[in-house]
Amino acid sequence: MMDVTDADFAAEVIGAELPVLVEFTADWCPPCRQMGPVLKALASEEGDRLKVVQLDVDSNPMTTNAYKVLSMPTFMVFRGGEPVKSMVGARAKRRLLEELADVL
């Protein structure tokens, strides 16, 4: 799982060939930290079908504001350069996979 920034968001997310799950996160957010192991597992298990990245909202305000992210963690799935799904709040891996089923 990689970190993306305002500078490389277009290349890593908008230009990606696979669907991309972006977690908008912050160091001070306990539910975000809780999602770390879940997202790492998801990235290793679904890496051939889904790219998983994190974006720190405090260091990357341009992207955060562009997608009107107000709560952490916010998950957005991008496909073909467009956001196709958005989810807010921590969740179990099984539930996250269920919610991603229609975009994978």
N, C-alpha and C. Protein backbone atom coordinates (compact mmCIF):
# COMPACT_ATOMS: atom_id res chain seq x y z
N MET A 1 0.85 -1.17 0.00
CA MET A 1 0.00 0.00 0.00
C MET A 1 0.89 1.24 0.00
N MET A 2 0.59 2.17 -0.86
CA MET A 2 1.47 3.34 -0.98
C MET A 2 0.75 4.61 -0.55
N ASP A 3 1.55 5.62 -0.24
CA ASP A 3 1.01 6.95 0.07
C ASP A 3 1.03 7.77 -1.21
N VAL A 4 -0.03 8.55 -1.42
CA VAL A 4 -0.07 9.48 -2.54
C VAL A 4 -0.17 10.90 -1.98
N THR A 5 0.17 11.88 -2.82
CA THR A 5 0.17 13.28 -2.41
C THR A 5 -0.57 14.11 -3.45
N ASP A 6 -0.77 15.39 -3.14
CA ASP A 6 -1.35 16.29 -4.14
C ASP A 6 -0.55 16.23 -5.43
N ALA A 7 0.79 16.14 -5.30
CA ALA A 7 1.68 16.19 -6.47
C ALA A 7 1.54 14.97 -7.38
N ASP A 8 1.34 13.78 -6.80
CA ASP A 8 1.30 12.58 -7.67
C ASP A 8 -0.09 11.94 -7.75
N PHE A 9 -1.11 12.58 -7.21
CA PHE A 9 -2.46 12.00 -7.22
C PHE A 9 -2.95 11.72 -8.64
N ALA A 10 -2.74 12.68 -9.53
CA ALA A 10 -3.21 12.49 -10.92
C ALA A 10 -2.53 11.28 -11.57
N ALA A 11 -1.23 11.14 -11.37
CA ALA A 11 -0.50 10.03 -12.00
C ALA A 11 -0.86 8.70 -11.36
N GLU A 12 -0.91 8.65 -10.03
CA GLU A 12 -1.10 7.39 -9.32
C GLU A 12 -2.55 6.93 -9.25
N VAL A 13 -3.49 7.87 -9.21
CA VAL A 13 -4.90 7.51 -9.03
C VAL A 13 -5.71 7.75 -10.31
N ILE A 14 -5.70 8.99 -10.80
CA ILE A 14 -6.50 9.33 -11.98
C ILE A 14 -6.03 8.54 -13.20
N GLY A 15 -4.71 8.37 -13.33
CA GLY A 15 -4.15 7.69 -14.49
C GLY A 15 -3.97 6.19 -14.34
N ALA A 16 -4.40 5.62 -13.22
CA ALA A 16 -4.18 4.20 -12.96
C ALA A 16 -5.04 3.32 -13.88
N GLU A 17 -4.50 2.18 -14.26
CA GLU A 17 -5.25 1.24 -15.09
C GLU A 17 -6.25 0.45 -14.27
N LEU A 18 -5.88 0.08 -13.04
CA LEU A 18 -6.78 -0.66 -12.16
C LEU A 18 -7.69 0.31 -11.43
N PRO A 19 -8.82 -0.18 -10.89
CA PRO A 19 -9.58 0.66 -9.96
C PRO A 19 -8.68 0.96 -8.75
N VAL A 20 -8.84 2.14 -8.16
CA VAL A 20 -8.00 2.55 -7.04
C VAL A 20 -8.88 2.87 -5.83
N LEU A 21 -8.56 2.26 -4.69
CA LEU A 21 -9.21 2.59 -3.43
C LEU A 21 -8.31 3.58 -2.71
N VAL A 22 -8.81 4.80 -2.50
CA VAL A 22 -8.05 5.84 -1.80
C VAL A 22 -8.63 5.98 -0.40
N GLU A 23 -7.76 5.87 0.61
CA GLU A 23 -8.18 6.18 1.97
C GLU A 23 -7.68 7.58 2.29
N PHE A 24 -8.61 8.51 2.53
CA PHE A 24 -8.27 9.84 3.02
C PHE A 24 -8.11 9.69 4.53
N THR A 25 -6.91 9.94 5.03
CA THR A 25 -6.56 9.59 6.40
C THR A 25 -5.83 10.74 7.10
N ALA A 26 -5.65 10.58 8.41
CA ALA A 26 -4.88 11.56 9.19
C ALA A 26 -4.22 10.84 10.36
N ASP A 27 -3.03 11.32 10.74
CA ASP A 27 -2.30 10.70 11.85
C ASP A 27 -3.08 10.75 13.16
N TRP A 28 -3.87 11.79 13.35
CA TRP A 28 -4.58 12.00 14.62
C TRP A 28 -5.90 11.24 14.70
N CYS A 29 -6.21 10.42 13.69
CA CYS A 29 -7.53 9.77 13.58
C CYS A 29 -7.43 8.30 13.99
N PRO A 30 -7.92 7.93 15.20
CA PRO A 30 -7.84 6.52 15.65
C PRO A 30 -8.51 5.52 14.69
N PRO A 31 -9.71 5.80 14.13
CA PRO A 31 -10.29 4.82 13.19
C PRO A 31 -9.43 4.64 11.94
N CYS A 32 -8.71 5.69 11.54
CA CYS A 32 -7.81 5.57 10.37
C CYS A 32 -6.68 4.59 10.67
N ARG A 33 -6.10 4.74 11.87
CA ARG A 33 -5.01 3.82 12.26
C ARG A 33 -5.53 2.39 12.33
N GLN A 34 -6.75 2.23 12.80
CA GLN A 34 -7.38 0.91 12.90
C GLN A 34 -7.51 0.27 11.51
N MET A 35 -7.69 1.08 10.48
CA MET A 35 -7.86 0.55 9.12
C MET A 35 -6.55 0.13 8.46
N GLY A 36 -5.41 0.54 9.03
CA GLY A 36 -4.12 0.22 8.42
C GLY A 36 -3.92 -1.25 8.09
N PRO A 37 -4.05 -2.15 9.09
CA PRO A 37 -3.85 -3.58 8.80
C PRO A 37 -4.89 -4.13 7.82
N VAL A 38 -6.11 -3.62 7.88
CA VAL A 38 -7.17 -4.07 6.95
C VAL A 38 -6.80 -3.71 5.52
N LEU A 39 -6.34 -2.49 5.32
CA LEU A 39 -5.99 -2.04 3.97
C LEU A 39 -4.74 -2.74 3.45
N LYS A 40 -3.77 -3.00 4.34
CA LYS A 40 -2.56 -3.73 3.91
C LYS A 40 -2.93 -5.13 3.44
N ALA A 41 -3.82 -5.80 4.19
CA ALA A 41 -4.27 -7.14 3.80
C ALA A 41 -5.02 -7.08 2.48
N LEU A 42 -5.89 -6.10 2.33
CA LEU A 42 -6.66 -5.93 1.09
C LEU A 42 -5.72 -5.70 -0.09
N ALA A 43 -4.70 -4.86 0.11
CA ALA A 43 -3.75 -4.56 -0.97
C ALA A 43 -3.00 -5.81 -1.40
N SER A 44 -2.62 -6.66 -0.44
CA SER A 44 -1.86 -7.86 -0.83
C SER A 44 -2.77 -8.91 -1.45
N GLU A 45 -4.01 -9.03 -0.97
CA GLU A 45 -4.91 -10.06 -1.50
C GLU A 45 -5.54 -9.67 -2.83
N GLU A 46 -5.83 -8.39 -3.03
CA GLU A 46 -6.55 -7.94 -4.22
C GLU A 46 -5.67 -7.12 -5.16
N GLY A 47 -4.36 -7.17 -4.97
CA GLY A 47 -3.45 -6.33 -5.73
C GLY A 47 -3.53 -6.46 -7.23
N ASP A 48 -3.98 -7.61 -7.72
CA ASP A 48 -4.10 -7.78 -9.17
C ASP A 48 -5.39 -7.15 -9.71
N ARG A 49 -6.34 -6.84 -8.82
CA ARG A 49 -7.62 -6.24 -9.27
C ARG A 49 -7.86 -4.83 -8.76
N LEU A 50 -7.08 -4.43 -7.72
CA LEU A 50 -7.35 -3.16 -7.04
C LEU A 50 -6.06 -2.58 -6.51
N LYS A 51 -5.87 -1.30 -6.75
CA LYS A 51 -4.73 -0.57 -6.18
C LYS A 51 -5.23 0.13 -4.92
N VAL A 52 -4.49 0.03 -3.83
CA VAL A 52 -4.89 0.63 -2.56
C VAL A 52 -3.86 1.67 -2.16
N VAL A 53 -4.31 2.91 -1.93
CA VAL A 53 -3.41 4.00 -1.55
C VAL A 53 -4.00 4.81 -0.40
N GLN A 54 -3.12 5.56 0.27
CA GLN A 54 -3.54 6.46 1.34
C GLN A 54 -3.14 7.87 0.99
N LEU A 55 -3.97 8.84 1.40
CA LEU A 55 -3.65 10.24 1.22
C LEU A 55 -3.85 10.94 2.56
N ASP A 56 -2.78 11.55 3.08
CA ASP A 56 -2.87 12.28 4.35
C ASP A 56 -3.55 13.63 4.10
N VAL A 57 -4.69 13.84 4.75
CA VAL A 57 -5.49 15.04 4.48
C VAL A 57 -4.80 16.32 4.95
N ASP A 58 -4.01 16.23 6.02
CA ASP A 58 -3.35 17.42 6.54
C ASP A 58 -2.23 17.90 5.63
N SER A 59 -1.51 16.98 5.00
CA SER A 59 -0.39 17.36 4.12
C SER A 59 -0.83 17.62 2.69
N ASN A 60 -2.06 17.24 2.34
CA ASN A 60 -2.52 17.31 0.95
C ASN A 60 -3.90 17.96 0.85
N PRO A 61 -3.99 19.26 1.20
CA PRO A 61 -5.30 19.91 1.22
C PRO A 61 -5.95 20.09 -0.15
N MET A 62 -5.14 20.20 -1.22
CA MET A 62 -5.73 20.43 -2.54
C MET A 62 -6.63 19.26 -2.96
N THR A 63 -6.12 18.04 -2.86
CA THR A 63 -6.90 16.87 -3.24
C THR A 63 -8.05 16.66 -2.28
N THR A 64 -7.80 16.84 -0.98
CA THR A 64 -8.85 16.68 0.03
C THR A 64 -10.02 17.61 -0.26
N ASN A 65 -9.73 18.87 -0.53
CA ASN A 65 -10.78 19.85 -0.82
C ASN A 65 -11.45 19.60 -2.16
N ALA A 66 -10.67 19.17 -3.15
CA ALA A 66 -11.23 18.92 -4.49
C ALA A 66 -12.33 17.87 -4.44
N TYR A 67 -12.19 16.87 -3.55
CA TYR A 67 -13.19 15.81 -3.45
C TYR A 67 -14.10 15.98 -2.24
N LYS A 68 -14.04 17.20 -1.63
CA LYS A 68 -14.95 17.57 -0.53
C LYS A 68 -14.95 16.55 0.61
N VAL A 69 -13.75 16.10 0.98
CA VAL A 69 -13.62 15.14 2.08
C VAL A 69 -13.65 15.90 3.40
N LEU A 70 -14.61 15.55 4.26
CA LEU A 70 -14.77 16.23 5.54
C LEU A 70 -14.54 15.32 6.74
N SER A 71 -14.76 14.02 6.58
CA SER A 71 -14.63 13.07 7.69
C SER A 71 -13.55 12.05 7.38
N MET A 72 -12.88 11.59 8.46
CA MET A 72 -11.85 10.58 8.29
C MET A 72 -12.25 9.32 9.06
N PRO A 73 -11.97 8.14 8.55
CA PRO A 73 -11.45 7.93 7.20
C PRO A 73 -12.58 8.00 6.16
N THR A 74 -12.27 8.56 5.01
CA THR A 74 -13.17 8.49 3.85
C THR A 74 -12.47 7.61 2.83
N PHE A 75 -13.22 6.68 2.26
CA PHE A 75 -12.70 5.81 1.20
C PHE A 75 -13.38 6.19 -0.10
N MET A 76 -12.60 6.37 -1.15
CA MET A 76 -13.16 6.62 -2.48
C MET A 76 -12.54 5.64 -3.45
N VAL A 77 -13.40 5.11 -4.31
CA VAL A 77 -12.92 4.23 -5.37
C VAL A 77 -12.94 5.02 -6.67
N PHE A 78 -11.81 5.04 -7.36
CA PHE A 78 -11.68 5.71 -8.65
C PHE A 78 -11.53 4.65 -9.72
N ARG A 79 -12.30 4.80 -10.80
CA ARG A 79 -12.15 3.91 -11.95
C ARG A 79 -12.17 4.79 -13.20
N GLY A 80 -11.18 4.60 -14.06
CA GLY A 80 -11.10 5.42 -15.27
C GLY A 80 -10.96 6.90 -14.95
N GLY A 81 -10.32 7.21 -13.83
CA GLY A 81 -10.08 8.61 -13.48
C GLY A 81 -11.22 9.30 -12.77
N GLU A 82 -12.33 8.61 -12.57
CA GLU A 82 -13.50 9.22 -11.93
C GLU A 82 -13.83 8.52 -10.62
N PRO A 83 -14.27 9.29 -9.60
CA PRO A 83 -14.73 8.64 -8.37
C PRO A 83 -16.06 7.93 -8.62
N VAL A 84 -16.13 6.64 -8.34
CA VAL A 84 -17.36 5.87 -8.60
C VAL A 84 -18.04 5.42 -7.32
N LYS A 85 -17.35 5.54 -6.19
CA LYS A 85 -17.96 5.11 -4.92
C LYS A 85 -17.26 5.84 -3.79
N SER A 86 -18.04 6.16 -2.75
CA SER A 86 -17.48 6.83 -1.58
C SER A 86 -18.08 6.23 -0.32
N MET A 87 -17.24 5.99 0.70
CA MET A 87 -17.69 5.40 1.97
C MET A 87 -16.98 6.15 3.09
N VAL A 88 -17.68 6.38 4.18
CA VAL A 88 -17.09 7.10 5.31
C VAL A 88 -17.12 6.20 6.55
N GLY A 89 -15.98 6.16 7.26
CA GLY A 89 -15.91 5.43 8.52
C GLY A 89 -15.19 4.11 8.41
N ALA A 90 -14.61 3.70 9.53
CA ALA A 90 -13.89 2.42 9.59
C ALA A 90 -14.88 1.27 9.42
N ARG A 91 -14.40 0.17 8.86
CA ARG A 91 -15.23 -1.03 8.69
C ARG A 91 -14.34 -2.26 8.67
N ALA A 92 -14.96 -3.39 8.94
CA ALA A 92 -14.25 -4.66 8.91
C ALA A 92 -13.88 -5.00 7.46
N LYS A 93 -12.83 -5.81 7.30
CA LYS A 93 -12.37 -6.18 5.95
C LYS A 93 -13.49 -6.84 5.14
N ARG A 94 -14.23 -7.75 5.78
CA ARG A 94 -15.29 -8.46 5.05
C ARG A 94 -16.34 -7.48 4.52
N ARG A 95 -16.73 -6.52 5.36
CA ARG A 95 -17.72 -5.53 4.93
C ARG A 95 -17.15 -4.65 3.81
N LEU A 96 -15.88 -4.26 3.94
CA LEU A 96 -15.25 -3.44 2.91
C LEU A 96 -15.22 -4.19 1.58
N LEU A 97 -14.88 -5.47 1.61
CA LEU A 97 -14.89 -6.28 0.39
C LEU A 97 -16.28 -6.37 -0.22
N GLU A 98 -17.29 -6.53 0.63
CA GLU A 98 -18.68 -6.59 0.13
C GLU A 98 -19.04 -5.29 -0.57
N GLU A 99 -18.65 -4.15 0.03
CA GLU A 99 -18.98 -2.86 -0.54
C GLU A 99 -18.20 -2.59 -1.82
N LEU A 100 -17.05 -3.22 -1.97
CA LEU A 100 -16.23 -3.02 -3.17
C LEU A 100 -16.59 -3.98 -4.30
N ALA A 101 -17.40 -5.00 -4.00
CA ALA A 101 -17.69 -6.06 -4.98
C ALA A 101 -18.19 -5.50 -6.31
N ASP A 102 -19.05 -4.49 -6.26
CA ASP A 102 -19.64 -3.97 -7.50
C ASP A 102 -18.68 -3.11 -8.32
N VAL A 103 -17.55 -2.72 -7.77
CA VAL A 103 -16.61 -1.89 -8.54
C VAL A 103 -15.35 -2.65 -8.93
N LEU A 104 -15.19 -3.88 -8.45
CA LEU A 104 -14.00 -4.66 -8.82
C LEU A 104 -14.24 -5.45 -10.09
